[in-house]
Protein backbone atom coordinates (compact mmCIF):
# COMPACT_ATOMS: atom_id res chain seq x y z
CA MET A 1 124.53 -200.89 267.17
CA PRO A 2 123.79 -199.10 263.89
CA ALA A 3 126.64 -197.50 261.99
CA THR A 4 126.83 -193.73 262.04
CA THR A 5 126.81 -191.78 258.82
CA THR A 6 129.06 -188.78 258.26
CA THR A 7 127.33 -186.15 256.18
CA GLU A 8 129.02 -183.59 253.95
CA ASP A 9 128.10 -180.85 256.43
CA ASP A 10 129.69 -182.87 259.24
CA ARG A 11 132.90 -183.16 257.26
CA GLU A 12 132.93 -179.44 256.52
CA GLU A 13 132.78 -178.64 260.24
CA SER A 14 135.19 -181.37 261.38
CA GLU A 15 137.58 -180.43 258.57
CA PRO A 16 137.32 -176.63 258.23
CA GLU A 17 137.52 -175.16 254.76
CA SER A 18 140.93 -174.20 253.49
CA ALA A 19 141.53 -170.53 252.86
CA LEU A 20 141.24 -171.15 249.12
CA GLU A 21 137.96 -173.06 249.46
CA THR A 22 136.54 -170.29 251.63
CA ALA A 23 137.65 -167.52 249.28
CA ARG A 24 136.15 -169.24 246.24
CA ARG A 25 132.91 -169.99 248.06
CA GLN A 26 132.62 -166.37 249.16
CA LEU A 27 133.26 -165.24 245.59
CA ARG A 28 130.58 -167.60 244.30
CA GLU A 29 128.03 -166.42 246.87
CA ALA A 30 128.76 -162.74 246.26
CA ALA A 31 128.49 -163.21 242.50
CA GLU A 32 124.81 -164.12 242.94
CA HIS A 33 124.10 -160.57 244.13
CA VAL A 34 126.00 -158.51 241.54
CA ASP A 35 125.71 -157.80 237.85
CA VAL A 36 129.27 -158.70 236.85
CA ASP A 37 130.25 -160.56 233.70
CA SER A 38 130.70 -164.29 234.29
CA GLY A 39 134.11 -164.11 232.61
CA VAL A 40 135.27 -161.68 235.29
CA ILE A 41 134.08 -164.05 238.01
CA GLU A 42 135.92 -166.94 236.35
CA ARG A 43 139.15 -164.91 236.21
CA LEU A 44 138.87 -164.03 239.88
CA LYS A 45 138.80 -167.70 240.89
CA HIS A 46 142.45 -167.99 239.93
CA PRO A 47 145.62 -166.13 240.96
CA THR A 48 147.66 -164.28 238.36
CA ARG A 49 150.75 -166.21 239.47
CA VAL A 50 152.25 -168.18 242.33
CA VAL A 51 155.99 -168.07 242.82
CA ARG A 52 157.77 -170.89 244.65
CA VAL A 53 161.41 -170.51 245.71
CA SER A 54 164.03 -172.35 247.73
CA VAL A 55 165.60 -170.35 250.55
CA PRO A 56 168.97 -171.74 251.74
CA VAL A 57 170.06 -170.45 255.14
CA GLU A 58 173.27 -171.00 257.06
CA ARG A 59 172.44 -171.87 260.66
CA ASP A 60 174.43 -170.57 263.60
CA ASP A 61 176.25 -173.91 263.89
CA GLY A 62 177.46 -173.69 260.29
CA THR A 63 175.02 -176.19 258.80
CA VAL A 64 172.71 -175.24 255.94
CA ASP A 65 168.94 -175.74 255.80
CA VAL A 66 166.77 -175.08 252.77
CA PHE A 67 163.26 -173.72 253.32
CA GLU A 68 160.38 -173.36 250.86
CA GLY A 69 158.98 -169.92 250.19
CA TYR A 70 155.90 -168.74 248.30
CA ARG A 71 154.38 -165.55 246.95
CA ALA A 72 150.84 -165.69 245.53
CA GLN A 73 149.63 -162.70 243.52
CA HIS A 74 145.89 -162.82 242.99
CA ASP A 75 144.77 -159.72 241.10
CA ASP A 76 146.19 -156.28 240.31
CA VAL A 77 143.42 -154.69 238.26
CA ARG A 78 143.04 -151.88 240.82
CA GLY A 79 146.72 -151.43 241.64
CA PRO A 80 149.88 -153.19 242.87
CA TYR A 81 149.56 -156.46 244.76
CA LYS A 82 149.44 -156.05 248.55
CA GLY A 83 149.61 -158.60 251.34
CA GLY A 84 151.57 -160.09 254.21
CA LEU A 85 154.52 -162.43 254.49
CA ARG A 86 154.23 -165.11 257.16
CA TYR A 87 156.77 -167.45 258.73
CA HIS A 88 154.89 -170.55 259.81
CA PRO A 89 155.44 -174.32 259.49
CA GLU A 90 152.07 -174.81 257.78
CA VAL A 91 152.46 -172.26 254.98
CA THR A 92 151.37 -173.74 251.64
CA ASP A 93 150.90 -172.43 248.14
CA GLU A 94 147.15 -173.11 248.38
CA GLU A 95 146.87 -171.17 251.65
CA CYS A 96 148.73 -168.25 250.11
CA ILE A 97 146.36 -168.22 247.13
CA GLY A 98 143.28 -168.17 249.35
CA LEU A 99 144.65 -165.45 251.59
CA SER A 100 145.69 -163.39 248.55
CA MET A 101 142.07 -163.52 247.36
CA TRP A 102 140.91 -162.24 250.76
CA MET A 103 143.36 -159.37 250.41
CA THR A 104 141.86 -158.52 247.02
CA TRP A 105 138.40 -158.30 248.59
CA LYS A 106 139.66 -156.37 251.63
CA CYS A 107 141.47 -153.75 249.54
CA ALA A 108 138.42 -153.36 247.30
CA VAL A 109 135.93 -152.98 250.16
CA MET A 110 138.21 -150.24 251.57
CA ASP A 111 138.51 -148.74 248.05
CA LEU A 112 142.31 -148.85 248.21
CA PRO A 113 144.29 -148.85 244.93
CA PHE A 114 145.75 -152.30 245.57
CA GLY A 115 145.12 -155.90 244.64
CA GLY A 116 145.70 -158.95 246.79
CA ALA A 117 148.82 -160.98 247.50
CA LYS A 118 150.15 -163.26 250.22
CA GLY A 119 153.36 -165.15 250.83
CA GLY A 120 155.52 -166.86 253.36
CA VAL A 121 158.21 -169.33 254.27
CA VAL A 122 157.60 -172.81 255.63
CA VAL A 123 159.44 -172.45 258.93
CA ASN A 124 158.78 -172.21 262.65
CA PRO A 125 160.28 -168.82 263.55
CA LYS A 126 160.61 -169.93 267.17
CA ASP A 127 163.24 -172.41 265.99
CA LEU A 128 165.40 -169.60 264.58
CA SER A 129 167.77 -167.28 266.36
CA ASP A 130 167.54 -163.57 265.57
CA ASP A 131 170.58 -163.88 263.30
CA GLU A 132 169.03 -166.84 261.48
CA ARG A 133 165.77 -164.95 261.01
CA GLU A 134 167.69 -162.07 259.50
CA ARG A 135 169.60 -164.32 257.12
CA LEU A 136 166.37 -166.09 256.13
CA THR A 137 164.62 -162.79 255.47
CA ARG A 138 167.44 -161.32 253.42
CA ARG A 139 167.77 -164.45 251.29
CA PHE A 140 164.00 -164.69 250.77
CA ALA A 141 164.00 -161.03 249.69
CA GLU A 142 166.66 -161.84 247.12
CA GLU A 143 164.80 -164.92 245.85
CA ILE A 144 161.56 -162.99 245.18
CA ARG A 145 163.20 -159.66 244.28
CA ASP A 146 161.94 -159.74 240.68
CA GLU A 147 158.35 -160.24 241.88
CA VAL A 148 158.10 -157.33 244.33
CA GLY A 149 158.50 -153.56 244.23
CA PRO A 150 156.68 -150.37 245.28
CA ASN A 151 154.68 -150.34 242.05
CA GLN A 152 154.45 -154.10 241.64
CA ASP A 153 153.91 -156.04 244.89
CA ILE A 154 154.25 -154.64 248.42
CA PRO A 155 154.64 -157.19 251.27
CA ALA A 156 153.84 -156.50 254.92
CA PRO A 157 154.13 -158.30 258.29
CA ASP A 158 151.97 -161.31 259.08
CA MET A 159 152.13 -164.35 261.37
CA GLY A 160 155.69 -164.89 262.57
CA THR A 161 157.03 -161.68 261.05
CA ASP A 162 157.19 -158.13 262.39
CA ALA A 163 158.48 -154.61 261.80
CA GLN A 164 162.09 -155.76 262.12
CA THR A 165 161.50 -158.43 259.47
CA MET A 166 160.21 -155.76 257.11
CA ALA A 167 163.24 -153.53 257.81
CA TRP A 168 165.59 -156.40 256.90
CA PHE A 169 163.58 -157.17 253.77
CA MET A 170 163.57 -153.53 252.67
CA ASP A 171 167.31 -153.21 253.28
CA ALA A 172 168.13 -156.37 251.33
CA TYR A 173 165.97 -155.25 248.40
CA SER A 174 167.41 -151.74 248.46
CA MET A 175 171.01 -152.99 248.52
CA GLN A 176 170.38 -155.03 245.37
CA GLN A 177 168.63 -152.13 243.64
CA GLY A 178 171.39 -149.69 244.53
CA GLU A 179 169.11 -147.16 246.23
CA THR A 180 166.95 -146.96 249.33
CA ILE A 181 163.40 -147.95 248.41
CA PRO A 182 161.29 -147.88 251.60
CA GLY A 183 158.05 -148.34 249.65
CA VAL A 184 158.84 -151.96 248.75
CA VAL A 185 157.27 -153.12 252.03
CA THR A 186 155.02 -151.66 254.71
CA GLY A 187 154.85 -152.30 258.42
CA LYS A 188 158.42 -151.09 258.97
CA PRO A 189 159.61 -149.27 262.11
CA PRO A 190 158.92 -145.53 261.77
CA VAL A 191 162.67 -144.84 261.92
CA ALA A 192 163.09 -146.93 258.74
CA GLY A 193 160.25 -145.39 256.76
CA GLY A 194 157.32 -146.92 258.60
CA SER A 195 154.15 -145.09 259.58
CA HIS A 196 153.02 -143.97 262.97
CA GLY A 197 149.89 -145.86 264.04
CA ARG A 198 150.50 -148.99 261.93
CA GLU A 199 150.75 -151.36 264.89
CA GLU A 200 147.48 -150.24 266.45
CA ALA A 201 145.57 -149.85 263.17
CA PRO A 202 143.72 -153.21 262.93
CA GLY A 203 142.50 -152.90 266.52
CA ARG A 204 141.51 -149.28 265.98
CA SER A 205 139.46 -150.19 262.92
CA VAL A 206 137.75 -153.00 264.86
CA ALA A 207 136.83 -150.47 267.56
CA ILE A 208 135.54 -147.95 265.01
CA VAL A 209 133.37 -150.55 263.27
CA THR A 210 132.11 -151.88 266.62
CA ARG A 211 131.15 -148.36 267.66
CA GLU A 212 129.27 -147.83 264.39
CA ALA A 213 127.51 -151.20 264.70
CA ILE A 214 126.42 -150.34 268.24
CA ASP A 215 124.93 -147.11 266.96
CA TYR A 216 123.34 -148.80 263.92
CA TYR A 217 121.46 -151.20 266.17
CA ASP A 218 120.22 -148.33 268.36
CA LYS A 219 122.32 -149.15 271.38
CA ASP A 220 124.00 -146.66 273.71
CA ILE A 221 127.72 -147.38 273.89
CA ALA A 222 127.68 -146.43 277.58
CA ASP A 223 125.23 -149.27 278.21
CA THR A 224 127.01 -151.81 276.00
CA ASP A 225 128.81 -154.86 277.42
CA VAL A 226 131.69 -156.10 275.24
CA ALA A 227 133.74 -159.31 275.41
CA VAL A 228 137.01 -159.55 273.44
CA GLN A 229 138.70 -162.88 272.72
CA GLY A 230 142.41 -162.30 272.19
CA PHE A 231 144.55 -159.59 273.77
CA GLY A 232 147.22 -159.22 271.14
CA SER A 233 147.64 -156.19 268.92
CA VAL A 234 144.09 -156.34 267.54
CA GLY A 235 142.16 -157.31 270.65
CA SER A 236 144.00 -155.14 273.14
CA ASN A 237 143.82 -151.98 271.04
CA ALA A 238 140.15 -152.56 270.24
CA ALA A 239 139.27 -153.22 273.88
CA LYS A 240 141.14 -150.18 275.18
CA LEU A 241 139.58 -147.83 272.63
CA LEU A 242 136.07 -149.12 273.28
CA ASP A 243 136.75 -148.70 277.00
CA ASP A 244 137.89 -145.11 276.36
CA TRP A 245 134.73 -144.42 274.35
CA GLY A 246 132.50 -145.55 277.22
CA ALA A 247 131.76 -149.21 276.50
CA ASN A 248 131.78 -151.69 279.39
CA VAL A 249 134.48 -154.23 278.49
CA VAL A 250 133.55 -157.14 280.76
CA ALA A 251 135.87 -159.89 279.48
CA VAL A 252 139.17 -160.34 277.65
CA SER A 253 141.39 -163.37 277.10
CA ASP A 254 144.67 -164.69 275.76
CA VAL A 255 145.85 -168.16 274.81
CA ASN A 256 145.66 -169.39 278.43
CA GLY A 257 142.10 -168.24 279.14
CA GLY A 258 140.16 -165.15 280.10
CA ILE A 259 139.01 -162.89 282.88
CA HIS A 260 135.48 -161.65 283.50
CA ASP A 261 133.97 -158.87 285.57
CA PRO A 262 130.33 -157.85 284.91
CA ASP A 263 131.11 -154.39 286.29
CA GLY A 264 133.83 -153.87 283.70
CA LEU A 265 137.60 -154.30 283.48
CA ASP A 266 140.29 -151.63 283.55
CA THR A 267 141.64 -152.59 280.13
CA HIS A 268 144.60 -150.22 280.38
CA ALA A 269 145.83 -152.05 283.49
CA ILE A 270 145.99 -155.40 281.63
CA PRO A 271 149.24 -155.92 279.69
CA SER A 272 148.83 -156.66 276.01
CA HIS A 273 150.65 -159.62 274.49
CA ALA A 274 153.35 -157.27 273.17
CA GLU A 275 153.87 -155.73 276.61
CA GLU A 276 153.90 -159.02 278.53
CA PRO A 277 153.00 -162.26 276.72
CA GLU A 278 150.21 -164.36 278.25
CA ALA A 279 149.66 -161.95 281.14
CA VAL A 280 145.86 -161.66 281.06
CA MET A 281 145.26 -164.38 283.63
CA GLY A 282 147.52 -162.58 286.08
CA TYR A 283 145.11 -159.65 286.35
CA ASP A 284 143.03 -159.62 289.53
CA ALA A 285 139.48 -160.02 288.17
CA THR A 286 136.19 -161.23 289.61
CA SER A 287 136.44 -164.58 287.84
CA THR A 288 138.36 -166.51 285.22
CA ILE A 289 136.80 -168.17 282.18
CA THR A 290 137.88 -170.25 279.23
CA ASN A 291 138.17 -168.85 275.73
CA GLY A 292 135.15 -170.91 274.78
CA ASP A 293 133.11 -169.54 277.66
CA LEU A 294 133.97 -165.98 276.67
CA LEU A 295 132.31 -166.44 273.28
CA GLU A 296 129.11 -167.56 274.99
CA LEU A 297 128.80 -164.72 277.53
CA ASP A 298 125.54 -162.79 277.70
CA VAL A 299 126.89 -159.52 276.30
CA ASP A 300 125.88 -156.99 273.69
CA VAL A 301 128.97 -157.45 271.49
CA VAL A 302 131.51 -160.25 271.24
CA VAL A 303 134.74 -159.67 269.33
CA PRO A 304 136.68 -162.83 268.35
CA ALA A 305 140.11 -161.25 267.79
CA ALA A 306 142.49 -164.16 268.29
CA ILE A 307 142.49 -166.99 265.72
CA GLY A 308 140.28 -168.41 262.99
CA ASN A 309 137.48 -170.98 263.23
CA VAL A 310 136.45 -170.29 266.84
CA LEU A 311 132.75 -169.83 266.10
CA THR A 312 131.59 -173.15 264.71
CA GLU A 313 128.55 -175.36 264.39
CA ALA A 314 129.36 -176.68 267.87
CA ASN A 315 128.95 -173.36 269.69
CA ALA A 316 126.99 -171.04 267.39
CA ASP A 317 123.72 -171.87 269.12
CA SER A 318 125.28 -170.95 272.47
CA VAL A 319 126.36 -167.45 271.44
CA GLN A 320 124.32 -164.96 273.49
CA ALA A 321 125.79 -161.73 272.12
CA ASP A 322 123.54 -159.44 270.09
CA ILE A 323 126.34 -158.56 267.64
CA VAL A 324 129.53 -160.35 266.50
CA VAL A 325 132.41 -158.24 265.17
CA GLU A 326 135.21 -160.25 263.57
CA GLY A 327 138.57 -158.94 264.76
CA ALA A 328 140.55 -162.00 263.63
CA ASN A 329 140.69 -163.31 260.08
CA GLY A 330 138.09 -166.02 259.50
CA PRO A 331 136.91 -166.62 263.08
CA THR A 332 133.47 -167.82 261.93
CA THR A 333 132.96 -171.01 259.92
CA SER A 334 130.44 -171.00 257.09
CA ARG A 335 127.96 -173.18 259.01
CA ALA A 336 128.24 -171.01 262.14
CA ASP A 337 127.65 -167.96 259.95
CA GLU A 338 124.40 -169.49 258.71
CA MET A 339 123.30 -170.49 262.21
CA LEU A 340 123.95 -167.01 263.63
CA ALA A 341 122.03 -165.47 260.72
CA GLU A 342 119.10 -167.81 261.38
CA ARG A 343 119.07 -166.59 264.98
CA GLY A 344 119.14 -162.94 263.88
CA ILE A 345 122.66 -162.26 265.19
CA PRO A 346 124.52 -159.96 262.79
CA VAL A 347 128.16 -160.74 262.02
CA ILE A 348 130.31 -157.81 260.91
CA PRO A 349 132.96 -159.42 258.67
CA ASP A 350 136.72 -159.35 259.04
CA ILE A 351 137.34 -157.83 255.61
CA LEU A 352 135.67 -154.67 256.88
CA ALA A 353 136.30 -154.70 260.63
CA ASN A 354 140.04 -155.37 260.73
CA ALA A 355 140.96 -153.58 257.50
CA GLY A 356 142.73 -150.83 259.43
CA GLY A 357 146.03 -152.65 258.98
CA VAL A 358 146.08 -152.59 255.20
CA THR A 359 144.61 -149.07 255.21
CA VAL A 360 147.47 -147.65 257.29
CA SER A 361 149.85 -149.72 255.15
CA TYR A 362 148.45 -147.72 252.24
CA PHE A 363 149.17 -144.53 254.17
CA GLU A 364 152.73 -145.76 254.80
CA TRP A 365 153.19 -146.51 251.11
CA LEU A 366 151.99 -143.01 250.22
CA GLN A 367 154.42 -141.50 252.70
CA ASP A 368 157.30 -143.60 251.32
CA ILE A 369 156.78 -142.93 247.62
CA ASN A 370 156.27 -139.21 248.27
CA ARG A 371 159.07 -138.94 250.86
CA ARG A 372 156.69 -137.30 253.32
CA LYS A 373 155.99 -138.09 256.96
CA TRP A 374 152.53 -137.96 258.55
CA SER A 375 151.91 -137.33 262.22
CA GLY A 376 150.20 -139.96 264.36
CA GLU A 377 147.22 -137.64 264.64
CA ARG A 378 146.87 -137.38 260.87
CA VAL A 379 147.09 -141.16 260.51
CA ARG A 380 144.29 -141.63 263.05
CA GLU A 381 142.12 -138.98 261.39
CA GLU A 382 142.65 -140.45 257.92
CA LEU A 383 141.92 -143.97 259.19
CA GLU A 384 138.71 -142.80 260.85
CA SER A 385 137.62 -141.20 257.57
CA GLU A 386 138.43 -144.28 255.47
CA MET A 387 136.72 -146.67 257.88
CA LEU A 388 133.56 -144.56 258.03
CA SER A 389 133.47 -144.35 254.24
CA ALA A 390 133.78 -148.14 253.94
CA TRP A 391 131.21 -148.66 256.68
CA ASP A 392 128.72 -146.39 254.90
CA ALA A 393 129.24 -148.20 251.58
CA VAL A 394 128.57 -151.61 253.13
CA ARG A 395 125.71 -150.34 255.30
CA SER A 396 123.98 -148.91 252.24
CA VAL A 397 124.02 -152.33 250.56
CA VAL A 398 122.75 -153.97 253.75
CA ASP A 399 119.83 -151.53 253.87
CA GLU A 400 119.03 -151.36 250.17
CA ARG A 401 119.31 -155.07 249.33
CA ASP A 402 118.46 -156.63 252.68
CA LEU A 403 121.68 -158.64 252.74
CA ARG A 404 123.82 -159.92 255.57
CA TRP A 405 126.86 -157.80 256.42
CA ARG A 406 129.32 -160.31 254.98
CA ASP A 407 127.42 -160.60 251.71
CA ALA A 408 127.12 -156.82 251.50
CA ALA A 409 130.86 -156.34 252.01
CA TYR A 410 131.65 -158.81 249.24
CA VAL A 411 129.12 -157.15 246.96
CA VAL A 412 130.84 -153.78 247.46
CA ALA A 413 134.24 -155.34 246.77
CA LEU A 414 133.16 -157.41 243.77
CA GLU A 415 131.31 -154.55 242.09
CA ARG A 416 134.40 -152.36 242.34
CA ILE A 417 136.68 -155.07 241.00
CA GLY A 418 134.21 -155.99 238.29
CA ARG A 419 133.90 -152.42 237.06
CA ALA A 420 137.68 -152.12 236.91
CA LYS A 421 138.00 -155.42 235.01
CA GLU A 422 135.35 -154.43 232.50
CA ALA A 423 136.85 -150.97 231.99
CA ARG A 424 140.34 -152.33 231.35
CA GLY A 425 139.18 -155.29 229.27
CA LEU A 426 141.08 -158.49 228.57
CA TRP A 427 144.44 -158.41 226.78
CA PRO A 428 144.16 -160.61 223.65
């Protein structure tokens, strides 16, 4: 029997790109479409700095464990660094660098006055009690205190962290500074300086972009079938809004699988993950499906809003949707992206579609540094305006240069960053 040969493409799909590899590849591809100095492109391949710290924590039984923590700061040419803090056992410095680069592109495509950052602690938060999580957060805040600040670097929630985590972080930082500084982080509870509408913002932006894409491709939202993979904060809010706006949401799923009804689901009757974890399969629907099957349904729009790398070389040819809108970060591998493009299926990228989170974080930061409070209605109106502005900027590049949506989004971001770099110059 002849030996099989593993090609480079095979390895790329069997071993998905790291966040850093993806970010650098996307930078390289976007650079081919913009007139930006090569020196600027070279600078953007590298983070400004990566901080590594040890975080000792006393456990509830009196023993002490030491965890590793990171903060990667990619670029601040357009403003302070901005990006999440995650608690996850697979956090690495390289991952943080790649994700910080994505945040740079996302802030630029939204035209926010921020650069990109990312950080985290190598820990499984499920292994910690609430008291241990608080002690970990407060000590981590102390360890990176010199690297963060409302005009320097502004963390936010991410995987394994939440609004309470941000409240602890802000309190620890403020105690050391001797004054309450709510603007040091975003994603806090509204009672502690957080913004109304922050939790729902990524899902709302996905819904807004999906609505605009439906209109762009001359579809009537009332006649549009939508399938949403993932019913957490992003997927549930996107599905419910699209349902409210007249779309026919025929399938949703969580980690255990999905439900499908061609006549449409009552999305408001299905508990989100925050309301009742892993409850989707308990809803009385026409049929149940796997998460993989959901991505291959014959619908107008599919929204992968759960985890990364779910659209791959293995299933891209089976996707029957007319439009893909990325609700999660990095749900489409590079090879799947190419295959969908070859089949004429547009993919609206994550750095545009789910940018509502960082946009409302910007609103929260503005409220904090100005000591003003916005109503939920104002937040929603401002988010709608910002998302439509970003959509129009990317759409114009798609139309004028005949580029794919992902390439167009990166062109918008890179041109804005490049102009800022060139205007500020390089310190000798």
